[in-house]
Structures are given as structure tokens and as C-alpha cells.
Amino acid sequence: MATIYEDIGGSAAIEAAVEAFYVRVVDDPLLAPYFDRIDMHSLKLHQRAFLAAALGGSEIYVGRSMRGAHLGLAVTPQAFDRLVEHLVATLTALELPPETIEEIGAKLLSLRDDIVAPPEELGAALHSERARTAEARAALASAEDRLEAAAAERRRRRWLSWRRPAPADAPAAVG
């Protein structure tokens, strides 16, 4: 019996799917922040190896566990669901049979608990994000204050230079 890996076309199909999938993912406003500081080339290599191994290919996946790879990312249930939607759309666009897409989806859904952050981690991440947002607002306010002070100083100097009497050796104004 052939594996899913063989059924979909092996390494070339996995590579095409991963490339198309990440185009969709990084363009999604909900998901893009998860990939802001990620080396996408390395991620795609890991993803191809993982998918090949998970779908019955001969490649050996030596990366971190799903839980380890996603720990600290605070992946929400909504983000996970959107990711699955993009995977299904990608596989559909690549014209995989619906039964194969269902089989791949079932494998991914079995990893949900390892990928989605537990509620306490999401709470900590939200608190951390709020703290970063408050720090950013304070820094922005401070920068705005400095810009306003610099603009006020420029206006004051312009006013003083306009008001300053002409030097004694300057030609008289013709009136």
C-alpha cells in the first residue's frame, strides 16, 4: 500500500505545498506576527522534513517535538484553525484528492494540543504583550515630547533671528 507521501508525488510535491502554504500564512494578518522574526528558509526546510516523515516518506525528521517547537509562541486556537484553513486551501489548490486532504488534516488535528498554547500561557503572553504595548506607548509619547520641544526651539530661534536688529555695517533698507 502506498503512503500519502508517495500518493501526492513525494519530495517535489511536499516542497511545492510548503512554499504555497507559507505564502498564504505570512500574508494572513492573524498569522503573520508569529513569523516576524523567523528564518523562513530554515523553517521551510524543517517543515518539509517533518511533513515528509509524517506522511510516510523515507526522510527522517530530527527537529524538535511539536510542543517544543511551539512552546512560548502562544499559538491561539483561532491561529491554529486559520493555519489549518490555509493548509486545506493550499492542498486543494494543488489538486490533491479530498480524501488525502482529510487524512492530512486528521494528522494535523491530532497535534493540536501540542501546538495550541494552554490558557495560562496565553494569559501570560497577553500580559507580556500589554506590557510591551505600554512600554511602546510611553516611548512614543517621550519621542513626541522631544520632537515638540525641538520644534518649539526652532520656532523660538527663527523668531529671535527675525527680531534681531541688523548689524551696523549692513546696507540701509531702501524704502
N, C-alpha and C. Protein backbone atom coordinates (compact mmCIF):
# COMPACT_ATOMS: atom_id res chain seq x y z
N MET A 1 0.84 -1.19 0.00
CA MET A 1 0.00 0.00 0.00
C MET A 1 0.88 1.25 0.00
N ALA A 2 0.56 2.18 -0.87
CA ALA A 2 1.34 3.41 -1.00
C ALA A 2 1.05 4.34 0.18
N THR A 3 2.05 5.14 0.54
CA THR A 3 1.88 6.12 1.61
C THR A 3 1.30 7.40 1.02
N ILE A 4 0.83 8.28 1.90
CA ILE A 4 0.35 9.59 1.44
C ILE A 4 1.48 10.30 0.71
N TYR A 5 2.68 10.20 1.25
CA TYR A 5 3.85 10.83 0.66
C TYR A 5 4.01 10.42 -0.80
N GLU A 6 3.90 9.14 -1.06
CA GLU A 6 4.02 8.64 -2.43
C GLU A 6 2.82 9.06 -3.28
N ASP A 7 1.62 9.00 -2.68
CA ASP A 7 0.40 9.35 -3.41
C ASP A 7 0.40 10.78 -3.92
N ILE A 8 0.97 11.70 -3.12
CA ILE A 8 0.92 13.11 -3.52
C ILE A 8 2.07 13.52 -4.43
N GLY A 9 3.06 12.65 -4.60
CA GLY A 9 4.15 12.96 -5.52
C GLY A 9 5.51 13.15 -4.87
N GLY A 10 5.65 12.75 -3.61
CA GLY A 10 6.96 12.76 -2.96
C GLY A 10 7.52 14.12 -2.63
N SER A 11 8.84 14.20 -2.68
CA SER A 11 9.58 15.38 -2.25
C SER A 11 9.17 16.65 -3.00
N ALA A 12 9.01 16.55 -4.32
CA ALA A 12 8.65 17.74 -5.11
C ALA A 12 7.29 18.28 -4.70
N ALA A 13 6.34 17.39 -4.43
CA ALA A 13 5.00 17.83 -4.02
C ALA A 13 5.05 18.47 -2.63
N ILE A 14 5.83 17.90 -1.73
CA ILE A 14 5.98 18.47 -0.38
C ILE A 14 6.57 19.87 -0.48
N GLU A 15 7.61 20.02 -1.29
CA GLU A 15 8.25 21.33 -1.43
C GLU A 15 7.27 22.36 -1.99
N ALA A 16 6.53 21.99 -3.02
CA ALA A 16 5.55 22.91 -3.62
C ALA A 16 4.48 23.28 -2.60
N ALA A 17 4.02 22.30 -1.84
CA ALA A 17 2.97 22.56 -0.84
C ALA A 17 3.48 23.50 0.25
N VAL A 18 4.70 23.26 0.73
CA VAL A 18 5.26 24.11 1.80
C VAL A 18 5.43 25.55 1.30
N GLU A 19 5.95 25.71 0.09
CA GLU A 19 6.14 27.06 -0.46
C GLU A 19 4.80 27.79 -0.59
N ALA A 20 3.82 27.14 -1.19
CA ALA A 20 2.50 27.76 -1.38
C ALA A 20 1.82 28.04 -0.05
N PHE A 21 1.98 27.12 0.89
CA PHE A 21 1.37 27.26 2.21
C PHE A 21 1.91 28.50 2.93
N TYR A 22 3.22 28.67 2.94
CA TYR A 22 3.79 29.80 3.67
C TYR A 22 3.52 31.14 2.98
N VAL A 23 3.32 31.14 1.68
CA VAL A 23 2.90 32.39 1.02
C VAL A 23 1.58 32.83 1.62
N ARG A 24 0.65 31.89 1.78
CA ARG A 24 -0.66 32.21 2.35
C ARG A 24 -0.53 32.63 3.82
N VAL A 25 0.27 31.89 4.57
CA VAL A 25 0.37 32.11 6.01
C VAL A 25 0.97 33.47 6.34
N VAL A 26 2.07 33.83 5.70
CA VAL A 26 2.71 35.10 6.05
C VAL A 26 1.93 36.31 5.52
N ASP A 27 1.00 36.08 4.60
CA ASP A 27 0.14 37.17 4.12
C ASP A 27 -1.11 37.34 4.99
N ASP A 28 -1.32 36.43 5.92
CA ASP A 28 -2.52 36.48 6.77
C ASP A 28 -2.23 37.36 7.99
N PRO A 29 -3.01 38.44 8.20
CA PRO A 29 -2.76 39.35 9.32
C PRO A 29 -2.81 38.67 10.70
N LEU A 30 -3.59 37.62 10.85
CA LEU A 30 -3.66 36.92 12.13
C LEU A 30 -2.39 36.11 12.37
N LEU A 31 -1.84 35.52 11.32
CA LEU A 31 -0.72 34.61 11.46
C LEU A 31 0.65 35.26 11.26
N ALA A 32 0.72 36.31 10.48
CA ALA A 32 2.00 36.94 10.14
C ALA A 32 2.85 37.28 11.36
N PRO A 33 2.28 37.80 12.46
CA PRO A 33 3.12 38.13 13.61
C PRO A 33 3.89 36.94 14.20
N TYR A 34 3.37 35.74 14.03
CA TYR A 34 4.08 34.56 14.53
C TYR A 34 5.38 34.32 13.77
N PHE A 35 5.50 34.92 12.58
CA PHE A 35 6.65 34.65 11.72
C PHE A 35 7.54 35.86 11.52
N ASP A 36 7.30 36.93 12.29
CA ASP A 36 8.06 38.17 12.13
C ASP A 36 9.57 37.98 12.22
N ARG A 37 10.02 37.27 13.19
CA ARG A 37 11.47 37.14 13.43
C ARG A 37 11.95 35.72 13.17
N ILE A 38 11.33 35.05 12.24
CA ILE A 38 11.64 33.66 11.96
C ILE A 38 12.46 33.57 10.68
N ASP A 39 13.48 32.74 10.68
CA ASP A 39 14.25 32.44 9.48
C ASP A 39 13.39 31.50 8.64
N MET A 40 12.71 32.07 7.66
CA MET A 40 11.74 31.30 6.88
C MET A 40 12.40 30.18 6.08
N HIS A 41 13.61 30.38 5.62
CA HIS A 41 14.29 29.32 4.87
C HIS A 41 14.47 28.08 5.75
N SER A 42 14.97 28.30 6.96
CA SER A 42 15.16 27.17 7.88
C SER A 42 13.83 26.54 8.28
N LEU A 43 12.83 27.38 8.50
CA LEU A 43 11.52 26.86 8.88
C LEU A 43 10.96 25.97 7.77
N LYS A 44 11.08 26.42 6.54
CA LYS A 44 10.57 25.62 5.42
C LYS A 44 11.31 24.29 5.29
N LEU A 45 12.62 24.32 5.52
CA LEU A 45 13.38 23.06 5.48
C LEU A 45 12.88 22.09 6.55
N HIS A 46 12.68 22.61 7.77
CA HIS A 46 12.17 21.77 8.86
C HIS A 46 10.77 21.26 8.53
N GLN A 47 9.94 22.14 7.98
CA GLN A 47 8.57 21.76 7.67
C GLN A 47 8.52 20.67 6.61
N ARG A 48 9.39 20.81 5.59
CA ARG A 48 9.42 19.77 4.54
C ARG A 48 9.85 18.43 5.13
N ALA A 49 10.87 18.45 5.98
CA ALA A 49 11.33 17.20 6.60
C ALA A 49 10.26 16.61 7.50
N PHE A 50 9.60 17.46 8.27
CA PHE A 50 8.54 16.97 9.16
C PHE A 50 7.40 16.35 8.36
N LEU A 51 6.93 17.07 7.34
CA LEU A 51 5.81 16.57 6.54
C LEU A 51 6.17 15.27 5.82
N ALA A 52 7.36 15.23 5.27
CA ALA A 52 7.77 14.01 4.58
C ALA A 52 7.75 12.81 5.53
N ALA A 53 8.30 12.99 6.72
CA ALA A 53 8.31 11.90 7.70
C ALA A 53 6.89 11.57 8.16
N ALA A 54 6.09 12.60 8.43
CA ALA A 54 4.73 12.39 8.94
C ALA A 54 3.83 11.71 7.92
N LEU A 55 4.12 11.93 6.63
CA LEU A 55 3.25 11.39 5.59
C LEU A 55 3.78 10.09 4.99
N GLY A 56 4.83 9.52 5.62
CA GLY A 56 5.30 8.20 5.20
C GLY A 56 6.50 8.20 4.28
N GLY A 57 7.16 9.34 4.12
CA GLY A 57 8.37 9.38 3.29
C GLY A 57 9.54 8.77 4.03
N SER A 58 10.64 8.60 3.32
CA SER A 58 11.80 7.98 3.94
C SER A 58 12.67 8.96 4.72
N GLU A 59 12.37 10.27 4.59
CA GLU A 59 13.14 11.28 5.31
C GLU A 59 12.97 11.08 6.82
N ILE A 60 14.01 11.42 7.54
CA ILE A 60 13.97 11.32 9.00
C ILE A 60 13.92 12.74 9.55
N TYR A 61 12.91 12.98 10.36
CA TYR A 61 12.76 14.30 10.97
C TYR A 61 13.54 14.31 12.27
N VAL A 62 14.49 15.25 12.39
CA VAL A 62 15.31 15.33 13.61
C VAL A 62 15.09 16.64 14.35
N GLY A 63 14.04 17.35 14.02
CA GLY A 63 13.75 18.61 14.67
C GLY A 63 13.12 18.41 16.04
N ARG A 64 12.76 19.53 16.65
CA ARG A 64 12.12 19.49 17.95
C ARG A 64 10.73 18.88 17.87
N SER A 65 10.21 18.50 19.02
CA SER A 65 8.84 18.00 19.08
C SER A 65 7.90 19.15 18.76
N MET A 66 6.66 18.84 18.42
CA MET A 66 5.69 19.89 18.15
C MET A 66 5.52 20.80 19.36
N ARG A 67 5.42 20.21 20.53
CA ARG A 67 5.27 21.00 21.74
C ARG A 67 6.50 21.90 21.94
N GLY A 68 7.67 21.33 21.79
CA GLY A 68 8.90 22.11 21.96
C GLY A 68 9.05 23.21 20.94
N ALA A 69 8.67 22.93 19.70
CA ALA A 69 8.81 23.92 18.63
C ALA A 69 7.85 25.10 18.80
N HIS A 70 6.71 24.86 19.43
CA HIS A 70 5.69 25.91 19.57
C HIS A 70 5.60 26.50 20.97
N LEU A 71 6.38 25.96 21.88
CA LEU A 71 6.38 26.45 23.26
C LEU A 71 6.81 27.92 23.28
N GLY A 72 6.06 28.72 23.96
CA GLY A 72 6.38 30.14 24.08
C GLY A 72 5.84 31.00 22.95
N LEU A 73 5.27 30.40 21.92
CA LEU A 73 4.73 31.18 20.81
C LEU A 73 3.31 31.67 21.08
N ALA A 74 2.69 31.12 22.10
CA ALA A 74 1.31 31.49 22.47
C ALA A 74 0.36 31.37 21.29
N VAL A 75 0.40 30.22 20.63
CA VAL A 75 -0.49 29.97 19.49
C VAL A 75 -1.91 29.83 20.02
N THR A 76 -2.79 30.66 19.51
CA THR A 76 -4.19 30.64 19.95
C THR A 76 -4.97 29.59 19.16
N PRO A 77 -6.11 29.16 19.70
CA PRO A 77 -6.96 28.24 18.93
C PRO A 77 -7.37 28.84 17.58
N GLN A 78 -7.62 30.16 17.54
CA GLN A 78 -8.00 30.82 16.30
C GLN A 78 -6.87 30.76 15.27
N ALA A 79 -5.64 30.97 15.74
CA ALA A 79 -4.49 30.93 14.83
C ALA A 79 -4.30 29.51 14.29
N PHE A 80 -4.45 28.51 15.15
CA PHE A 80 -4.33 27.12 14.71
C PHE A 80 -5.39 26.81 13.65
N ASP A 81 -6.62 27.20 13.91
CA ASP A 81 -7.71 26.93 12.96
C ASP A 81 -7.45 27.62 11.62
N ARG A 82 -6.94 28.85 11.67
CA ARG A 82 -6.66 29.58 10.43
C ARG A 82 -5.54 28.88 9.66
N LEU A 83 -4.55 28.39 10.38
CA LEU A 83 -3.45 27.66 9.75
C LEU A 83 -3.97 26.42 9.03
N VAL A 84 -4.88 25.69 9.68
CA VAL A 84 -5.49 24.51 9.05
C VAL A 84 -6.26 24.92 7.80
N GLU A 85 -6.99 26.04 7.87
CA GLU A 85 -7.72 26.52 6.70
C GLU A 85 -6.77 26.79 5.53
N HIS A 86 -5.62 27.41 5.83
CA HIS A 86 -4.65 27.69 4.77
C HIS A 86 -4.05 26.40 4.22
N LEU A 87 -3.83 25.43 5.07
CA LEU A 87 -3.30 24.15 4.59
C LEU A 87 -4.30 23.48 3.66
N VAL A 88 -5.54 23.44 4.06
CA VAL A 88 -6.58 22.83 3.22
C VAL A 88 -6.68 23.58 1.88
N ALA A 89 -6.66 24.90 1.92
CA ALA A 89 -6.73 25.69 0.69
C ALA A 89 -5.53 25.43 -0.21
N THR A 90 -4.35 25.31 0.41
CA THR A 90 -3.14 25.03 -0.35
C THR A 90 -3.23 23.66 -1.02
N LEU A 91 -3.61 22.65 -0.25
CA LEU A 91 -3.70 21.30 -0.80
C LEU A 91 -4.79 21.19 -1.86
N THR A 92 -5.87 21.92 -1.68
CA THR A 92 -6.95 21.96 -2.67
C THR A 92 -6.45 22.60 -3.96
N ALA A 93 -5.71 23.72 -3.82
CA ALA A 93 -5.16 24.40 -4.99
C ALA A 93 -4.17 23.51 -5.74
N LEU A 94 -3.48 22.64 -5.01
CA LEU A 94 -2.54 21.71 -5.64
C LEU A 94 -3.25 20.47 -6.18
N GLU A 95 -4.58 20.48 -6.10
CA GLU A 95 -5.44 19.44 -6.67
C GLU A 95 -5.25 18.06 -6.05
N LEU A 96 -5.01 18.02 -4.73
CA LEU A 96 -4.98 16.74 -4.05
C LEU A 96 -6.40 16.23 -3.88
N PRO A 97 -6.59 14.94 -3.89
CA PRO A 97 -7.94 14.40 -3.69
C PRO A 97 -8.47 14.75 -2.29
N PRO A 98 -9.76 15.00 -2.18
CA PRO A 98 -10.35 15.35 -0.88
C PRO A 98 -10.04 14.33 0.22
N GLU A 99 -10.01 13.03 -0.13
CA GLU A 99 -9.72 12.01 0.88
C GLU A 99 -8.30 12.18 1.44
N THR A 100 -7.36 12.54 0.58
CA THR A 100 -5.98 12.75 1.02
C THR A 100 -5.89 13.99 1.90
N ILE A 101 -6.61 15.04 1.52
CA ILE A 101 -6.62 16.26 2.33
C ILE A 101 -7.21 15.96 3.71
N GLU A 102 -8.27 15.18 3.75
CA GLU A 102 -8.86 14.79 5.04
C GLU A 102 -7.87 14.01 5.89
N GLU A 103 -7.14 13.11 5.27
CA GLU A 103 -6.17 12.30 6.00
C GLU A 103 -5.04 13.17 6.57
N ILE A 104 -4.56 14.11 5.76
CA ILE A 104 -3.51 15.03 6.23
C ILE A 104 -4.07 15.92 7.34
N GLY A 105 -5.29 16.41 7.16
CA GLY A 105 -5.93 17.25 8.17
C GLY A 105 -6.09 16.51 9.49
N ALA A 106 -6.45 15.24 9.43
CA ALA A 106 -6.61 14.44 10.65
C ALA A 106 -5.28 14.32 11.39
N LYS A 107 -4.19 14.15 10.62
CA LYS A 107 -2.86 14.07 11.26
C LYS A 107 -2.52 15.39 11.95
N LEU A 108 -2.83 16.50 11.29
CA LEU A 108 -2.55 17.80 11.87
C LEU A 108 -3.41 18.06 13.10
N LEU A 109 -4.68 17.73 13.02
CA LEU A 109 -5.58 17.95 14.16
C LEU A 109 -5.14 17.15 15.39
N SER A 110 -4.51 16.00 15.17
CA SER A 110 -4.04 15.21 16.30
C SER A 110 -2.89 15.92 17.04
N LEU A 111 -2.29 16.92 16.41
CA LEU A 111 -1.19 17.67 17.03
C LEU A 111 -1.66 18.96 17.71
N ARG A 112 -2.95 19.24 17.63
CA ARG A 112 -3.49 20.50 18.15
C ARG A 112 -3.07 20.79 19.59
N ASP A 113 -3.17 19.81 20.46
CA ASP A 113 -2.84 20.05 21.88
C ASP A 113 -1.35 20.35 22.08
N ASP A 114 -0.51 19.90 21.16
CA ASP A 114 0.92 20.19 21.27
C ASP A 114 1.27 21.56 20.70
N ILE A 115 0.42 22.09 19.84
CA ILE A 115 0.71 23.36 19.16
C ILE A 115 0.02 24.54 19.84
N VAL A 116 -1.26 24.38 20.17
CA VAL A 116 -2.01 25.47 20.79
C VAL A 116 -1.56 25.63 22.24
N ALA A 117 -1.31 26.86 22.61
CA ALA A 117 -0.83 27.15 23.96
C ALA A 117 -1.94 26.92 24.97
N PRO A 118 -1.59 26.40 26.15
CA PRO A 118 -2.61 26.28 27.20
C PRO A 118 -3.06 27.66 27.65
N PRO A 119 -4.28 27.76 28.19
CA PRO A 119 -4.82 29.08 28.57
C PRO A 119 -3.89 29.89 29.48
N GLU A 120 -3.20 29.24 30.42
CA GLU A 120 -2.33 30.01 31.32
C GLU A 120 -1.17 30.64 30.56
N GLU A 121 -0.67 29.96 29.50
CA GLU A 121 0.40 30.54 28.70
C GLU A 121 -0.14 31.70 27.87
N LEU A 122 -1.36 31.55 27.36
CA LEU A 122 -1.95 32.64 26.60
C LEU A 122 -2.16 33.86 27.48
N GLY A 123 -2.58 33.64 28.73
CA GLY A 123 -2.76 34.75 29.66
C GLY A 123 -1.44 35.46 29.92
N ALA A 124 -0.37 34.69 30.11
CA ALA A 124 0.95 35.28 30.35
C ALA A 124 1.42 36.03 29.11
N ALA A 125 1.17 35.47 27.93
CA ALA A 125 1.57 36.13 26.69
C ALA A 125 0.80 37.43 26.51
N LEU A 126 -0.49 37.42 26.82
CA LEU A 126 -1.30 38.62 26.70
C LEU A 126 -0.79 39.70 27.66
N HIS A 127 -0.47 39.29 28.89
CA HIS A 127 0.07 40.23 29.86
C HIS A 127 1.39 40.82 29.35
N SER A 128 2.25 39.95 28.80
CA SER A 128 3.53 40.39 28.28
C SER A 128 3.34 41.35 27.10
N GLU A 129 2.38 41.03 26.23
CA GLU A 129 2.10 41.90 25.08
C GLU A 129 1.56 43.25 25.54
N ARG A 130 0.70 43.24 26.55
CA ARG A 130 0.18 44.51 27.08
C ARG A 130 1.31 45.34 27.69
N ALA A 131 2.24 44.67 28.37
CA ALA A 131 3.38 45.39 28.96
C ALA A 131 4.24 46.00 27.85
N ARG A 132 4.50 45.22 26.79
CA ARG A 132 5.29 45.75 25.67
C ARG A 132 4.57 46.91 25.00
N THR A 133 3.25 46.80 24.88
CA THR A 133 2.46 47.87 24.28
C THR A 133 2.53 49.13 25.13
N ALA A 134 2.42 48.98 26.44
CA ALA A 134 2.51 50.14 27.34
C ALA A 134 3.89 50.78 27.25
N GLU A 135 4.95 49.96 27.18
CA GLU A 135 6.30 50.49 27.04
C GLU A 135 6.44 51.24 25.72
N ALA A 136 5.88 50.68 24.67
CA ALA A 136 5.96 51.32 23.35
C ALA A 136 5.21 52.65 23.35
N ARG A 137 4.04 52.68 23.99
CA ARG A 137 3.28 53.93 24.08
C ARG A 137 4.06 55.00 24.84
N ALA A 138 4.70 54.59 25.94
CA ALA A 138 5.49 55.54 26.74
C ALA A 138 6.68 56.05 25.92
N ALA A 139 7.34 55.17 25.20
CA ALA A 139 8.47 55.59 24.37
C ALA A 139 8.02 56.53 23.26
N LEU A 140 6.87 56.23 22.66
CA LEU A 140 6.33 57.09 21.62
C LEU A 140 5.97 58.47 22.18
N ALA A 141 5.34 58.50 23.35
CA ALA A 141 4.99 59.78 23.98
C ALA A 141 6.24 60.58 24.28
N SER A 142 7.28 59.92 24.77
CA SER A 142 8.54 60.59 25.07
C SER A 142 9.17 61.15 23.80
N ALA A 143 9.14 60.37 22.72
CA ALA A 143 9.70 60.83 21.45
C ALA A 143 8.89 62.01 20.92
N GLU A 144 7.57 61.93 21.03
CA GLU A 144 6.72 63.04 20.58
C GLU A 144 7.03 64.30 21.39
N ASP A 145 7.23 64.15 22.71
CA ASP A 145 7.58 65.29 23.55
C ASP A 145 8.90 65.91 23.10
N ARG A 146 9.90 65.07 22.81
CA ARG A 146 11.20 65.58 22.37
C ARG A 146 11.08 66.28 21.02
N LEU A 147 10.28 65.72 20.11
CA LEU A 147 10.08 66.35 18.80
C LEU A 147 9.38 67.71 18.96
N GLU A 148 8.39 67.77 19.82
CA GLU A 148 7.68 69.03 20.05
C GLU A 148 8.61 70.06 20.66
N ALA A 149 9.46 69.63 21.60
CA ALA A 149 10.41 70.56 22.22
C ALA A 149 11.40 71.08 21.18
N ALA A 150 11.87 70.21 20.30
CA ALA A 150 12.81 70.63 19.26
C ALA A 150 12.13 71.60 18.29
N ALA A 151 10.87 71.33 17.93
CA ALA A 151 10.14 72.22 17.04
C ALA A 151 9.93 73.59 17.70
N ALA A 152 9.62 73.59 18.99
CA ALA A 152 9.43 74.85 19.71
C ALA A 152 10.74 75.64 19.75
N GLU A 153 11.85 74.95 19.93
CA GLU A 153 13.16 75.62 19.95
C GLU A 153 13.48 76.22 18.58
N ARG A 154 13.16 75.48 17.50
CA ARG A 154 13.38 76.02 16.15
C ARG A 154 12.52 77.27 15.92
N ARG A 155 11.28 77.24 16.36
CA ARG A 155 10.40 78.41 16.21
C ARG A 155 10.95 79.60 16.99
N ARG A 156 11.43 79.33 18.21
CA ARG A 156 11.98 80.40 19.05
C ARG A 156 13.20 81.02 18.39
N ARG A 157 14.10 80.19 17.85
CA ARG A 157 15.31 80.70 17.20
C ARG A 157 14.96 81.49 15.94
N ARG A 158 13.99 81.00 15.18
CA ARG A 158 13.55 81.71 13.98
C ARG A 158 13.00 83.08 14.36
N TRP A 159 12.20 83.12 15.41
CA TRP A 159 11.62 84.37 15.86
C TRP A 159 12.72 85.33 16.32
N LEU A 160 13.69 84.81 17.08
CA LEU A 160 14.78 85.66 17.56
C LEU A 160 15.61 86.18 16.40
N SER A 161 15.87 85.36 15.40
CA SER A 161 16.69 85.81 14.26
C SER A 161 15.93 86.85 13.44
N TRP A 162 14.65 86.77 13.35
CA TRP A 162 13.85 87.74 12.62
C TRP A 162 13.81 89.06 13.37
N ARG A 163 13.75 89.00 14.67
CA ARG A 163 13.59 90.16 15.53
C ARG A 163 14.92 90.90 15.75
N ARG A 164 16.01 90.20 15.59
CA ARG A 164 17.33 90.76 15.85
C ARG A 164 17.58 91.96 14.95
N PRO A 165 18.10 93.06 15.51
CA PRO A 165 18.36 94.24 14.66
C PRO A 165 19.50 93.93 13.68
N ALA A 166 19.47 94.62 12.54
CA ALA A 166 20.50 94.44 11.52
C ALA A 166 21.82 94.98 12.06
N PRO A 167 22.91 94.34 11.66
CA PRO A 167 24.23 94.85 12.06
C PRO A 167 24.44 96.29 11.55
N ALA A 168 25.30 97.03 12.24
CA ALA A 168 25.54 98.45 11.91
C ALA A 168 26.14 98.62 10.52
N ASP A 169 26.91 97.64 10.06
CA ASP A 169 27.57 97.79 8.75
C ASP A 169 26.69 97.27 7.60
N ALA A 170 25.48 96.87 7.87
CA ALA A 170 24.59 96.38 6.81
C ALA A 170 24.06 97.55 6.02
N PRO A 171 23.82 97.36 4.72
CA PRO A 171 23.28 98.48 3.92
C PRO A 171 21.89 98.86 4.41
N ALA A 172 21.59 100.09 4.32
CA ALA A 172 20.28 100.59 4.77
C ALA A 172 19.20 100.13 3.81
N ALA A 173 18.07 99.86 4.36
CA ALA A 173 16.93 99.43 3.55
C ALA A 173 16.40 100.61 2.78
N VAL A 174 16.08 100.36 1.52
CA VAL A 174 15.55 101.42 0.67
C VAL A 174 14.04 101.39 0.81
N GLY A 175 13.48 102.50 1.12
CA GLY A 175 12.09 102.45 1.43
C GLY A 175 11.24 103.14 0.53
